[in-house]
């Protein structure tokens, strides 16, 4: 995906990406705090292994969130190629008699 030409558009894109990364850091901090608390809580219980399940489920969500944020650059290039390919396919289809 080509970078925006104007400074304002470039600044808007930079702010959007920085906000997404900051959101992921906040998500990761809450994940760590809550799961650490659940692990400490589980220490006093007979069945301690239950605290692993919320950590695994939420960890998957955190990983997917991270992939969406951190891989956005390469993902947008792929998206742009797919859009261009689909656009060309639709144009060819429209031009058929």
Protein backbone atom coordinates (compact mmCIF):
# COMPACT_ATOMS: atom_id res chain seq x y z
CA UNK A 1 0.00 0.00 0.00
CA UNK A 2 1.56 3.29 -1.02
CA UNK A 3 2.04 5.87 1.69
CA UNK A 4 -0.25 8.91 1.61
CA UNK A 5 1.16 11.84 -0.33
CA UNK A 6 0.08 14.70 1.92
CA UNK A 7 1.57 15.36 5.34
CA UNK A 8 -1.90 15.48 6.96
CA UNK A 9 -2.83 12.06 5.60
CA UNK A 10 0.53 10.65 6.66
CA UNK A 11 0.09 12.14 10.13
CA UNK A 12 -3.44 10.69 10.39
CA UNK A 13 -2.16 7.23 9.42
CA UNK A 14 0.73 7.47 11.90
CA UNK A 15 -1.64 8.48 14.70
CA UNK A 16 -4.02 5.64 13.84
CA UNK A 17 -1.21 3.05 13.87
CA UNK A 18 0.29 4.45 17.09
CA UNK A 19 -3.15 4.34 18.74
CA UNK A 20 -3.62 0.72 17.68
CA UNK A 21 -0.21 -0.23 19.14
CA UNK A 22 -0.95 1.64 22.35
CA UNK A 23 -4.27 -0.21 22.58
CA UNK A 24 -2.45 -3.53 22.25
CA UNK A 25 0.00 -2.58 25.03
CA UNK A 26 -2.94 -1.71 27.29
CA UNK A 27 -4.64 -5.01 26.41
CA UNK A 28 -1.41 -6.91 27.22
CA UNK A 29 -1.00 -5.10 30.57
CA UNK A 30 -4.57 -5.91 31.63
CA UNK A 31 -4.08 -9.52 30.48
CA UNK A 32 -0.95 -9.87 32.63
CA UNK A 33 -2.48 -8.21 35.69
CA UNK A 34 -5.72 -10.22 35.61
CA UNK A 35 -4.07 -13.56 34.89
CA UNK A 36 -1.43 -12.98 37.54
CA UNK A 37 -4.25 -12.25 40.00
CA UNK A 38 -6.13 -15.38 38.97
CA UNK A 39 -2.97 -17.46 39.37
CA UNK A 40 -2.39 -16.07 42.87
CA UNK A 41 -6.04 -16.71 43.73
CA UNK A 42 -5.77 -20.28 42.45
CA UNK A 43 -2.76 -21.01 44.71
CA UNK A 44 -5.03 -21.17 47.73
CA UNK A 45 -7.45 -23.60 46.09
CA UNK A 46 -7.35 -27.34 45.80
CA UNK A 47 -7.82 -27.35 42.01
CA UNK A 48 -5.15 -24.91 40.87
CA UNK A 49 -5.10 -25.71 37.17
CA UNK A 50 -8.33 -23.88 36.34
CA UNK A 51 -6.49 -20.56 36.06
CA UNK A 52 -4.70 -21.81 32.94
CA UNK A 53 -7.90 -21.89 30.89
CA UNK A 54 -8.73 -18.17 31.06
CA UNK A 55 -5.07 -17.40 30.33
CA UNK A 56 -5.08 -19.62 27.24
CA UNK A 57 -8.37 -18.33 25.86
CA UNK A 58 -7.58 -14.70 26.49
CA UNK A 59 -4.01 -15.26 25.29
CA UNK A 60 -5.35 -16.42 21.94
CA UNK A 61 -7.40 -13.22 21.70
CA UNK A 62 -4.35 -11.15 22.64
CA UNK A 63 -2.26 -12.92 20.00
CA UNK A 64 -4.89 -12.27 17.31
CA UNK A 65 -5.13 -8.64 18.40
CA UNK A 66 -1.34 -8.39 18.19
CA UNK A 67 -1.29 -9.94 14.72
CA UNK A 68 -3.88 -7.41 13.53
CA UNK A 69 -1.86 -4.52 14.97
CA UNK A 70 1.74 -5.52 14.37
CA UNK A 71 1.30 -7.21 11.00
CA UNK A 72 -0.96 -4.48 9.62
CA UNK A 73 1.74 -3.19 7.26
CA UNK A 74 2.29 -6.47 5.45
CA UNK A 75 -1.39 -7.33 5.73
CA UNK A 76 -2.43 -4.12 3.99
CA UNK A 77 -0.12 -4.83 1.07
CA UNK A 78 -1.69 -8.25 0.70
CA UNK A 79 -5.14 -6.69 0.99
CA UNK A 80 -4.35 -4.14 -1.71
CA UNK A 81 -3.13 -6.89 -4.07
CA UNK A 82 -6.30 -8.92 -3.44
CA UNK A 83 -8.49 -5.86 -4.02
CA UNK A 84 -6.67 -5.09 -7.27
CA UNK A 85 -7.02 -8.69 -8.43
CA UNK A 86 -10.72 -8.76 -7.57
CA UNK A 87 -11.28 -5.40 -9.27
CA UNK A 88 -9.63 -6.70 -12.45
CA UNK A 89 -11.72 -9.86 -12.34
CA UNK A 90 -14.94 -7.87 -11.97
CA UNK A 91 -13.98 -5.53 -14.81
CA UNK A 92 -13.30 -8.48 -17.10
CA UNK A 93 -16.64 -9.99 -16.14
CA UNK A 94 -18.46 -6.73 -16.78
CA UNK A 95 -16.91 -6.38 -20.24
CA UNK A 96 -18.11 -9.80 -21.40
CA UNK A 97 -21.16 -9.73 -23.73
